[in-house]
Protein backbone atom coordinates (compact mmCIF):
# COMPACT_ATOMS: atom_id res chain seq x y z
CA MET A 1 -197.72 23.11 -67.41
CA THR A 2 -198.16 26.29 -65.39
CA THR A 3 -200.01 26.29 -62.12
CA THR A 4 -201.95 29.36 -61.11
CA THR A 5 -202.54 30.18 -57.48
CA ALA A 6 -205.97 31.47 -56.59
CA LYS A 7 -205.92 35.17 -55.79
CA LEU A 8 -207.79 36.05 -52.62
CA ILE A 9 -207.96 39.77 -53.41
CA PRO A 10 -208.29 41.60 -56.73
CA ALA A 11 -205.15 42.91 -58.41
CA SER A 12 -206.25 46.51 -57.86
CA LEU A 13 -206.30 46.01 -54.07
CA ALA A 14 -203.04 44.03 -54.16
CA ARG A 15 -201.47 46.90 -56.12
CA GLU A 16 -202.62 49.47 -53.56
CA ILE A 17 -201.23 47.42 -50.66
CA ALA A 18 -197.93 46.78 -52.45
CA ARG A 19 -197.52 50.43 -53.40
CA GLN A 20 -197.85 51.48 -49.76
CA ALA A 21 -194.39 49.97 -49.32
CA ASP A 22 -192.99 52.84 -51.39
CA GLU A 23 -194.55 55.64 -49.35
CA PRO A 24 -192.18 58.04 -47.58
CA GLY A 25 -191.23 56.84 -44.12
CA THR A 26 -192.02 53.19 -44.80
CA THR A 27 -189.31 51.07 -43.19
CA PRO A 28 -187.88 47.99 -44.90
CA LEU A 29 -189.67 45.79 -42.33
CA ARG A 30 -192.99 47.50 -42.96
CA ALA A 31 -192.46 47.05 -46.70
CA GLY A 32 -191.84 43.35 -46.03
CA GLN A 33 -195.06 43.12 -44.05
CA LEU A 34 -197.03 44.78 -46.85
CA TYR A 35 -195.50 42.56 -49.53
CA SER A 36 -196.10 39.53 -47.31
CA LEU A 37 -199.80 40.41 -47.04
CA VAL A 38 -200.06 40.41 -50.81
CA ALA A 39 -198.11 37.13 -51.00
CA GLN A 40 -200.50 35.56 -48.49
CA ALA A 41 -203.32 36.61 -50.81
CA GLY A 42 -201.85 34.36 -53.52
CA TYR A 43 -199.42 36.62 -55.39
CA THR A 44 -195.84 35.60 -56.17
CA PRO A 45 -192.88 37.96 -55.66
CA ASP A 46 -192.78 38.39 -59.46
CA GLU A 47 -196.43 39.43 -59.52
CA ILE A 48 -196.03 41.71 -56.51
CA ALA A 49 -193.02 43.35 -58.15
CA LEU A 50 -195.06 44.10 -61.24
CA LEU A 51 -197.88 45.53 -59.14
CA ALA A 52 -195.52 47.67 -57.06
CA GLY A 53 -193.20 48.74 -59.87
CA LYS A 54 -190.23 47.09 -58.15
CA THR A 55 -187.92 44.19 -58.90
CA TRP A 56 -188.84 40.70 -57.74
CA ASN A 57 -185.64 40.42 -55.73
CA LEU A 58 -186.37 43.61 -53.76
CA VAL A 59 -189.82 42.23 -52.91
CA ASP A 60 -188.35 38.87 -51.96
CA LEU A 61 -185.59 40.47 -49.87
CA ARG A 62 -188.06 42.64 -47.96
CA ILE A 63 -190.27 39.65 -47.20
CA GLY A 64 -187.16 37.77 -46.04
CA LEU A 65 -186.50 40.47 -43.42
CA LEU A 66 -189.55 39.19 -41.54
CA ASP A 67 -187.46 36.16 -40.54
CA LEU A 68 -185.19 38.36 -38.43
CA CYS A 69 -185.31 37.77 -34.70
CA GLN A 70 -186.80 40.59 -32.64
CA ALA A 71 -183.38 42.01 -31.74
CA GLY A 72 -182.50 42.13 -35.43
CA GLN A 73 -185.77 43.82 -36.31
CA ASP A 74 -185.20 46.37 -33.56
CA ALA A 75 -181.66 47.06 -34.81
CA LEU A 76 -182.89 47.41 -38.38
CA ASP A 77 -185.63 49.82 -37.34
CA ALA A 78 -183.15 51.78 -35.22
CA GLY A 79 -180.81 52.10 -38.19
CA THR A 80 -177.93 50.28 -36.52
CA LEU A 81 -178.22 47.22 -38.77
CA PRO A 82 -177.93 47.90 -42.53
CA VAL A 83 -180.78 46.44 -44.55
CA GLY A 84 -178.48 44.37 -46.78
CA LEU A 85 -176.76 42.78 -43.81
CA ALA A 86 -180.13 42.28 -42.12
CA TRP A 87 -181.24 40.07 -44.99
CA TYR A 88 -178.15 37.86 -44.68
CA VAL A 89 -178.67 37.60 -40.93
CA SER A 90 -182.37 36.76 -41.43
CA ARG A 91 -181.38 33.60 -43.32
CA LEU A 92 -179.57 32.19 -40.29
CA SER A 93 -180.88 30.05 -37.46
CA LEU A 94 -181.98 31.96 -34.38
CA PRO A 95 -178.80 31.17 -32.41
CA ASN A 96 -176.59 32.30 -35.28
CA GLN A 97 -178.69 35.43 -35.78
CA ARG A 98 -177.98 36.34 -32.17
CA VAL A 99 -174.26 35.64 -32.59
CA MET A 100 -174.06 37.76 -35.75
CA LEU A 101 -175.94 40.64 -34.13
CA ALA A 102 -173.68 40.55 -31.08
CA ARG A 103 -170.58 40.52 -33.27
CA TRP A 104 -171.94 43.38 -35.39
CA ASP A 105 -172.69 45.41 -32.25
CA ARG A 106 -169.18 44.74 -30.91
CA GLY A 107 -167.63 45.94 -34.16
CA ASP A 108 -166.03 42.62 -35.03
CA PHE A 109 -166.36 43.31 -38.77
CA ALA A 110 -164.63 45.96 -40.86
CA ASP A 111 -167.88 46.77 -42.63
CA ALA A 112 -171.31 45.42 -43.57
CA HIS A 113 -169.88 43.64 -46.61
CA GLN A 114 -167.48 41.61 -44.48
CA ALA A 115 -170.28 40.81 -42.03
CA SER A 116 -172.57 39.74 -44.90
CA ASP A 117 -169.86 37.44 -46.24
CA HIS A 118 -169.49 35.89 -42.79
CA ALA A 119 -173.26 35.43 -42.44
CA SER A 120 -173.37 33.83 -45.88
CA ALA A 121 -170.61 31.41 -44.89
CA LEU A 122 -172.49 30.55 -41.69
CA ARG A 123 -175.61 29.90 -43.75
CA GLU A 124 -173.70 27.42 -45.90
CA LEU A 125 -172.54 25.62 -42.77
CA GLU A 126 -176.13 25.46 -41.50
CA ALA A 127 -177.57 24.15 -44.75
CA PRO A 128 -178.14 20.40 -44.75
CA THR A 129 -175.98 18.49 -47.17
CA ASP A 130 -177.39 15.64 -49.24
């Protein structure tokens, strides 16, 4: 049985909002905000991806960036925090986000990949075990 969520705006309007995320100069955070608006109107990341001509995971990743603390958002917008690493950091608790950002700023990691791996390991430690 498939459940359908009510759509609060027509697909044509959702498409226009989602496609704004692809306009030149749109930051990853702004794209996340636009995709989030469409999601709040009842569309899933899969549906938004179809409307925007993107992959579902890109849509989901951009929406996830909205969970970054303000310092992380500022670093992302300033270009000092790579977008891929920003997503890994956004999945952490606020205290661990701050720790990761401080360590990234200090240059404690060889590269963004190593920092992402560390953030992923921290996330596993934070996750409740059943």
